[in-house]
N, C-alpha and C. Protein backbone atom coordinates (compact mmCIF):
# COMPACT_ATOMS: atom_id res chain seq x y z
N MET A 1 16.97 -15.02 11.16
CA MET A 1 17.57 -14.90 9.84
C MET A 1 17.86 -16.30 9.31
N SER A 2 17.63 -16.51 8.06
CA SER A 2 17.82 -17.82 7.45
C SER A 2 19.30 -18.13 7.30
N LEU A 3 19.61 -19.42 7.28
CA LEU A 3 21.00 -19.84 7.10
C LEU A 3 21.48 -19.62 5.67
N TYR A 4 20.57 -19.43 4.75
CA TYR A 4 20.94 -19.30 3.35
C TYR A 4 21.08 -17.85 2.90
N CYS A 5 20.90 -16.89 3.80
CA CYS A 5 21.09 -15.48 3.45
C CYS A 5 22.57 -15.14 3.51
N PRO A 6 23.01 -14.25 2.68
CA PRO A 6 24.42 -13.87 2.74
C PRO A 6 24.68 -13.12 4.05
N ALA A 7 25.93 -13.10 4.45
CA ALA A 7 26.32 -12.40 5.67
C ALA A 7 26.09 -10.90 5.48
N PRO A 8 25.68 -10.21 6.54
CA PRO A 8 25.46 -8.77 6.39
C PRO A 8 26.79 -8.06 6.16
N PRO A 9 26.73 -6.94 5.50
CA PRO A 9 27.97 -6.20 5.24
C PRO A 9 28.51 -5.61 6.54
N PRO A 10 29.77 -5.27 6.57
CA PRO A 10 30.32 -4.66 7.78
C PRO A 10 29.64 -3.32 8.07
N TYR A 11 29.79 -2.87 9.32
CA TYR A 11 29.13 -1.65 9.75
C TYR A 11 29.57 -0.47 8.90
N GLY A 12 28.58 0.27 8.39
CA GLY A 12 28.86 1.45 7.59
C GLY A 12 28.98 1.16 6.10
N ALA A 13 29.12 -0.09 5.70
CA ALA A 13 29.23 -0.41 4.29
C ALA A 13 27.83 -0.56 3.69
N VAL A 14 27.70 -0.22 2.44
CA VAL A 14 26.43 -0.32 1.74
C VAL A 14 26.39 -1.67 1.04
N PRO A 15 25.31 -2.44 1.23
CA PRO A 15 25.26 -3.75 0.57
C PRO A 15 25.11 -3.58 -0.94
N ASP A 16 25.64 -4.52 -1.69
CA ASP A 16 25.54 -4.45 -3.14
C ASP A 16 24.39 -5.31 -3.67
N TYR A 17 23.57 -5.84 -2.77
CA TYR A 17 22.44 -6.65 -3.21
C TYR A 17 21.15 -5.96 -2.76
N VAL A 18 20.07 -6.31 -3.42
CA VAL A 18 18.75 -5.76 -3.10
C VAL A 18 17.84 -6.92 -2.74
N LEU A 19 17.13 -6.78 -1.67
CA LEU A 19 16.21 -7.84 -1.26
C LEU A 19 15.01 -7.87 -2.19
N ALA A 20 14.57 -9.06 -2.53
CA ALA A 20 13.39 -9.21 -3.36
C ALA A 20 12.14 -8.98 -2.50
N PRO A 21 11.03 -8.55 -3.11
CA PRO A 21 9.81 -8.39 -2.32
C PRO A 21 9.33 -9.75 -1.82
N PRO A 22 8.59 -9.76 -0.73
CA PRO A 22 8.15 -11.04 -0.19
C PRO A 22 7.17 -11.73 -1.13
N ARG A 23 7.21 -13.05 -1.09
CA ARG A 23 6.28 -13.82 -1.91
C ARG A 23 4.91 -13.80 -1.26
N ALA A 24 3.88 -14.09 -2.03
CA ALA A 24 2.52 -14.06 -1.51
C ALA A 24 2.34 -15.07 -0.38
N GLU A 25 2.92 -16.24 -0.50
CA GLU A 25 2.75 -17.26 0.54
C GLU A 25 3.56 -16.96 1.79
N ASP A 26 4.51 -16.02 1.72
CA ASP A 26 5.29 -15.64 2.89
C ASP A 26 4.66 -14.51 3.68
N ARG A 27 3.63 -13.87 3.15
CA ARG A 27 2.98 -12.76 3.83
C ARG A 27 2.10 -13.29 4.95
N LEU A 28 1.78 -12.41 5.89
CA LEU A 28 0.94 -12.79 7.02
C LEU A 28 -0.49 -13.03 6.55
N ASN A 29 -1.18 -13.89 7.27
CA ASN A 29 -2.60 -14.19 7.04
C ASN A 29 -2.88 -14.76 5.67
N THR A 30 -1.92 -15.36 5.05
CA THR A 30 -2.16 -16.02 3.78
C THR A 30 -1.56 -17.42 3.85
N CYS A 31 -2.09 -18.28 3.07
CA CYS A 31 -1.50 -19.62 2.97
C CYS A 31 -1.60 -20.05 1.51
N ALA A 32 -0.85 -21.05 1.17
CA ALA A 32 -0.76 -21.45 -0.23
C ALA A 32 -2.08 -21.98 -0.75
N PHE A 33 -2.88 -22.65 0.10
CA PHE A 33 -4.11 -23.25 -0.40
C PHE A 33 -5.30 -22.31 -0.30
N ALA A 34 -5.14 -21.12 0.33
CA ALA A 34 -6.27 -20.20 0.49
C ALA A 34 -6.76 -19.69 -0.86
N THR A 35 -5.87 -19.53 -1.82
CA THR A 35 -6.29 -19.03 -3.13
C THR A 35 -7.08 -20.08 -3.89
N ASP A 36 -6.89 -21.36 -3.55
CA ASP A 36 -7.65 -22.41 -4.23
C ASP A 36 -9.09 -22.46 -3.76
N LEU A 37 -9.37 -21.95 -2.56
CA LEU A 37 -10.71 -22.01 -2.02
C LEU A 37 -11.62 -20.91 -2.54
N LEU A 38 -11.05 -19.86 -3.09
CA LEU A 38 -11.84 -18.74 -3.57
C LEU A 38 -12.42 -19.06 -4.95
N LEU A 39 -13.68 -18.79 -5.10
CA LEU A 39 -14.34 -19.00 -6.38
C LEU A 39 -14.45 -17.69 -7.13
N PRO A 40 -14.47 -17.73 -8.44
CA PRO A 40 -14.64 -16.48 -9.18
C PRO A 40 -16.08 -15.98 -8.99
N PRO A 41 -16.31 -14.70 -9.17
CA PRO A 41 -17.68 -14.20 -9.03
C PRO A 41 -18.57 -14.77 -10.14
N PRO A 42 -19.86 -14.93 -9.87
CA PRO A 42 -20.74 -15.50 -10.90
C PRO A 42 -20.94 -14.53 -12.06
N ARG A 43 -21.16 -15.11 -13.21
CA ARG A 43 -21.44 -14.28 -14.38
C ARG A 43 -22.87 -13.76 -14.28
N PRO A 44 -23.18 -12.62 -14.85
CA PRO A 44 -24.55 -12.10 -14.77
C PRO A 44 -25.58 -13.05 -15.37
N GLU A 45 -25.21 -13.78 -16.40
CA GLU A 45 -26.19 -14.68 -17.02
C GLU A 45 -26.44 -15.93 -16.17
N ASP A 46 -25.56 -16.21 -15.18
CA ASP A 46 -25.75 -17.37 -14.32
C ASP A 46 -26.59 -17.07 -13.09
N ARG A 47 -26.93 -15.81 -12.87
CA ARG A 47 -27.70 -15.44 -11.69
C ARG A 47 -29.16 -15.86 -11.87
N LEU A 48 -29.79 -16.19 -10.75
CA LEU A 48 -31.19 -16.59 -10.79
C LEU A 48 -32.08 -15.36 -10.96
N PRO A 49 -33.07 -15.46 -11.83
CA PRO A 49 -33.98 -14.31 -11.96
C PRO A 49 -34.91 -14.26 -10.75
N LEU A 50 -35.02 -13.10 -10.15
CA LEU A 50 -35.91 -12.92 -9.01
C LEU A 50 -37.11 -12.12 -9.46
N GLY A 51 -38.27 -12.56 -9.04
CA GLY A 51 -39.50 -11.86 -9.39
C GLY A 51 -39.67 -10.61 -8.56
N PRO A 52 -40.80 -9.95 -8.72
CA PRO A 52 -41.03 -8.74 -7.94
C PRO A 52 -41.15 -9.09 -6.46
N THR A 53 -40.69 -8.19 -5.63
CA THR A 53 -40.73 -8.44 -4.20
C THR A 53 -42.13 -8.12 -3.66
N HIS A 54 -42.49 -8.81 -2.65
CA HIS A 54 -43.78 -8.59 -1.99
C HIS A 54 -43.59 -7.58 -0.87
N PRO A 55 -44.63 -6.85 -0.50
CA PRO A 55 -44.46 -5.85 0.56
C PRO A 55 -44.04 -6.47 1.90
N TYR A 56 -44.43 -7.73 2.15
CA TYR A 56 -44.07 -8.34 3.42
C TYR A 56 -42.66 -8.93 3.41
N ASP A 57 -41.96 -8.85 2.29
CA ASP A 57 -40.59 -9.34 2.22
C ASP A 57 -39.58 -8.33 2.76
N ARG A 58 -39.96 -7.08 2.84
CA ARG A 58 -39.04 -6.03 3.27
C ARG A 58 -39.13 -5.86 4.79
N PRO A 59 -38.06 -5.36 5.41
CA PRO A 59 -38.13 -5.11 6.85
C PRO A 59 -39.11 -3.99 7.16
N LEU A 60 -39.65 -4.03 8.35
CA LEU A 60 -40.61 -3.02 8.76
C LEU A 60 -39.91 -1.69 8.99
N PRO A 61 -40.55 -0.59 8.67
CA PRO A 61 -39.94 0.72 8.95
C PRO A 61 -39.95 0.98 10.46
N PRO A 62 -39.10 1.88 10.92
CA PRO A 62 -39.10 2.18 12.34
C PRO A 62 -40.42 2.83 12.74
N PRO A 63 -40.85 2.64 13.98
CA PRO A 63 -42.14 3.20 14.38
C PRO A 63 -42.08 4.72 14.47
N CYS A 64 -43.18 5.33 14.14
CA CYS A 64 -43.30 6.78 14.25
C CYS A 64 -43.78 7.12 15.67
N PRO A 65 -43.25 8.17 16.27
CA PRO A 65 -43.70 8.52 17.63
C PRO A 65 -45.19 8.84 17.70
N GLU A 66 -45.74 9.39 16.64
CA GLU A 66 -47.17 9.74 16.69
C GLU A 66 -48.07 8.51 16.56
N ASP A 67 -47.51 7.37 16.13
CA ASP A 67 -48.30 6.14 16.02
C ASP A 67 -48.35 5.34 17.31
N ARG A 68 -47.60 5.76 18.32
CA ARG A 68 -47.58 5.03 19.58
C ARG A 68 -48.90 5.22 20.32
N LEU A 69 -49.18 4.28 21.20
CA LEU A 69 -50.39 4.39 22.00
C LEU A 69 -50.27 5.58 22.94
N GLN A 70 -51.34 6.34 23.04
CA GLN A 70 -51.34 7.52 23.87
C GLN A 70 -52.03 7.27 25.21
N ALA A 71 -52.16 6.02 25.60
CA ALA A 71 -52.82 5.71 26.86
C ALA A 71 -51.94 6.15 28.02
N PRO A 72 -52.55 6.63 29.10
CA PRO A 72 -51.74 7.04 30.24
C PRO A 72 -51.10 5.83 30.92
N MET A 73 -49.91 6.06 31.47
CA MET A 73 -49.20 4.98 32.15
C MET A 73 -49.46 5.11 33.65
N ALA A 74 -49.62 3.99 34.29
CA ALA A 74 -49.84 4.01 35.73
C ALA A 74 -48.61 4.57 36.44
N LEU A 75 -48.83 5.29 37.52
CA LEU A 75 -47.74 5.95 38.22
C LEU A 75 -46.68 4.97 38.74
N PRO A 76 -47.05 3.84 39.35
CA PRO A 76 -46.00 2.90 39.78
C PRO A 76 -45.19 2.33 38.60
N ASP A 77 -45.84 2.14 37.44
CA ASP A 77 -45.10 1.64 36.28
C ASP A 77 -44.09 2.66 35.79
N ARG A 78 -44.48 3.94 35.79
CA ARG A 78 -43.56 4.99 35.36
C ARG A 78 -42.39 5.08 36.32
N ARG A 79 -42.67 5.01 37.62
CA ARG A 79 -41.59 5.06 38.62
C ARG A 79 -40.67 3.85 38.49
N ARG A 80 -41.25 2.68 38.24
CA ARG A 80 -40.45 1.47 38.08
C ARG A 80 -39.50 1.60 36.90
N LEU A 81 -40.00 2.15 35.79
CA LEU A 81 -39.13 2.35 34.62
C LEU A 81 -38.03 3.37 34.91
N GLU A 82 -38.34 4.42 35.67
CA GLU A 82 -37.33 5.42 36.00
C GLU A 82 -36.24 4.82 36.89
N ILE A 83 -36.63 3.99 37.85
CA ILE A 83 -35.63 3.35 38.72
C ILE A 83 -34.76 2.39 37.92
N GLN A 84 -35.38 1.60 37.05
CA GLN A 84 -34.59 0.67 36.22
C GLN A 84 -33.66 1.42 35.28
N ALA A 85 -34.11 2.56 34.74
CA ALA A 85 -33.24 3.36 33.87
C ALA A 85 -32.06 3.93 34.66
N ALA A 86 -32.30 4.37 35.90
CA ALA A 86 -31.21 4.90 36.72
C ALA A 86 -30.20 3.80 37.06
N LEU A 87 -30.69 2.61 37.38
CA LEU A 87 -29.78 1.50 37.67
C LEU A 87 -28.96 1.11 36.44
N THR A 88 -29.61 1.09 35.29
CA THR A 88 -28.90 0.75 34.06
C THR A 88 -27.84 1.80 33.73
N ALA A 89 -28.20 3.09 33.90
CA ALA A 89 -27.23 4.16 33.63
C ALA A 89 -26.07 4.11 34.60
N ALA A 90 -26.31 3.62 35.82
CA ALA A 90 -25.24 3.51 36.81
C ALA A 90 -24.38 2.28 36.59
N GLY A 91 -24.79 1.39 35.70
CA GLY A 91 -24.00 0.19 35.40
C GLY A 91 -24.30 -0.97 36.32
N VAL A 92 -25.46 -0.97 36.95
CA VAL A 92 -25.83 -2.04 37.85
C VAL A 92 -26.63 -3.07 37.07
N ALA A 93 -26.11 -4.28 36.99
CA ALA A 93 -26.80 -5.34 36.26
C ALA A 93 -27.92 -5.89 37.14
N PRO A 94 -29.08 -6.23 36.55
CA PRO A 94 -30.18 -6.75 37.36
C PRO A 94 -29.87 -8.14 37.90
N ALA A 95 -30.23 -8.35 39.16
CA ALA A 95 -30.07 -9.65 39.80
C ALA A 95 -31.44 -10.32 39.93
N ASP A 96 -31.48 -11.49 40.55
CA ASP A 96 -32.72 -12.25 40.62
C ASP A 96 -33.81 -11.54 41.41
N GLY A 97 -33.51 -11.00 42.58
CA GLY A 97 -34.53 -10.39 43.43
C GLY A 97 -34.74 -8.92 43.18
N ASP A 98 -34.11 -8.35 42.17
CA ASP A 98 -34.20 -6.91 41.94
C ASP A 98 -35.59 -6.48 41.48
N ALA A 99 -36.28 -7.30 40.73
CA ALA A 99 -37.59 -6.90 40.21
C ALA A 99 -38.57 -6.66 41.35
N ALA A 100 -38.54 -7.50 42.37
CA ALA A 100 -39.45 -7.32 43.50
C ALA A 100 -39.06 -6.08 44.29
N ALA A 101 -37.77 -5.84 44.47
CA ALA A 101 -37.32 -4.66 45.21
C ALA A 101 -37.66 -3.38 44.46
N VAL A 102 -37.49 -3.37 43.16
CA VAL A 102 -37.82 -2.19 42.36
C VAL A 102 -39.33 -1.95 42.38
N ALA A 103 -40.11 -3.01 42.35
CA ALA A 103 -41.57 -2.85 42.43
C ALA A 103 -41.98 -2.27 43.78
N GLU A 104 -41.32 -2.68 44.86
CA GLU A 104 -41.62 -2.11 46.19
C GLU A 104 -41.25 -0.63 46.24
N LEU A 105 -40.08 -0.29 45.68
CA LEU A 105 -39.67 1.11 45.66
C LEU A 105 -40.61 1.95 44.80
N ALA A 106 -41.11 1.39 43.71
CA ALA A 106 -41.99 2.14 42.81
C ALA A 106 -43.33 2.46 43.47
N GLY A 107 -43.70 1.71 44.50
CA GLY A 107 -44.95 1.97 45.19
C GLY A 107 -44.86 3.11 46.18
N LEU A 108 -43.67 3.65 46.41
CA LEU A 108 -43.50 4.75 47.36
C LEU A 108 -43.86 6.08 46.70
N SER A 109 -43.75 7.16 47.44
CA SER A 109 -44.15 8.47 46.92
C SER A 109 -43.14 8.98 45.89
N ASP A 110 -43.55 10.03 45.17
CA ASP A 110 -42.67 10.62 44.15
C ASP A 110 -41.40 11.17 44.77
N THR A 111 -41.50 11.79 45.92
CA THR A 111 -40.33 12.36 46.58
C THR A 111 -39.33 11.28 46.95
N THR A 112 -39.83 10.17 47.47
CA THR A 112 -38.94 9.08 47.87
C THR A 112 -38.27 8.45 46.66
N VAL A 113 -39.04 8.22 45.60
CA VAL A 113 -38.47 7.62 44.39
C VAL A 113 -37.44 8.55 43.78
N ARG A 114 -37.72 9.86 43.75
CA ARG A 114 -36.77 10.82 43.20
C ARG A 114 -35.48 10.81 44.02
N ALA A 115 -35.60 10.70 45.36
CA ALA A 115 -34.41 10.66 46.22
C ALA A 115 -33.60 9.40 45.96
N VAL A 116 -34.27 8.26 45.78
CA VAL A 116 -33.57 7.01 45.50
C VAL A 116 -32.83 7.10 44.17
N ILE A 117 -33.48 7.67 43.15
CA ILE A 117 -32.84 7.82 41.84
C ILE A 117 -31.64 8.75 41.94
N ASP A 118 -31.77 9.82 42.71
CA ASP A 118 -30.64 10.73 42.90
C ASP A 118 -29.49 10.04 43.64
N TRP A 119 -29.81 9.21 44.62
CA TRP A 119 -28.78 8.47 45.34
C TRP A 119 -28.04 7.51 44.41
N ILE A 120 -28.79 6.84 43.55
CA ILE A 120 -28.16 5.91 42.59
C ILE A 120 -27.22 6.67 41.67
N GLY A 121 -27.66 7.83 41.17
CA GLY A 121 -26.81 8.62 40.29
C GLY A 121 -25.57 9.14 40.99
N ALA A 122 -25.73 9.60 42.27
CA ALA A 122 -24.58 10.10 43.02
C ALA A 122 -23.60 8.99 43.32
N ALA A 123 -24.12 7.81 43.66
CA ALA A 123 -23.23 6.68 43.94
C ALA A 123 -22.48 6.25 42.68
N ALA A 124 -23.13 6.34 41.53
CA ALA A 124 -22.46 5.96 40.28
C ALA A 124 -21.37 6.95 39.92
N ARG A 125 -21.59 8.23 40.22
CA ARG A 125 -20.58 9.25 39.89
C ARG A 125 -19.37 9.18 40.82
N THR A 126 -19.58 8.85 42.08
CA THR A 126 -18.47 8.83 43.02
C THR A 126 -17.81 7.48 43.16
N SER A 127 -18.39 6.45 42.55
CA SER A 127 -17.87 5.11 42.67
C SER A 127 -16.71 4.91 41.71
N TRP A 128 -16.06 3.75 41.83
CA TRP A 128 -14.97 3.40 40.94
C TRP A 128 -15.51 3.20 39.51
N PRO A 129 -14.69 3.41 38.50
CA PRO A 129 -15.16 3.21 37.13
C PRO A 129 -15.38 1.72 36.86
N ARG A 130 -16.49 1.41 36.24
CA ARG A 130 -16.80 0.04 35.87
C ARG A 130 -17.59 0.07 34.57
N PRO A 131 -17.62 -1.03 33.84
CA PRO A 131 -18.36 -1.03 32.57
C PRO A 131 -19.85 -0.85 32.82
N HIS A 132 -20.49 -0.13 31.93
CA HIS A 132 -21.92 0.12 32.05
C HIS A 132 -22.70 -1.08 31.59
N ALA A 133 -23.87 -1.28 32.16
CA ALA A 133 -24.74 -2.36 31.72
C ALA A 133 -25.26 -2.05 30.33
N VAL A 134 -25.51 -3.07 29.58
CA VAL A 134 -25.97 -2.87 28.20
C VAL A 134 -27.44 -3.14 28.13
């Protein structure tokens, strides 16, 4: 409380004064010179005229699923992607030697890879909570 404020009224008494609203410079996240830095919006006649846009100036549309390549994927590549997806879903960040280990696991049979993926999922469910990998 400031030294220049009047003493508060005794308990139960109603004060006869009313506090003024806070000044703009006394509010949070504002300062006296911040209003000097703001410029007024430009007038419409001061804007630069822009010509017609070219088709390559716009962002590309998202890809359509039917436009994707329909080539078959090699079985070890598909298994490698499934193992990496399971590790990512479990919140395991990739380390330096993980790519070689995942490639070795992807070369195993479907049954073995499915068991490894199930083990990763079970370990993630029973483990302590941790942030997921992005």
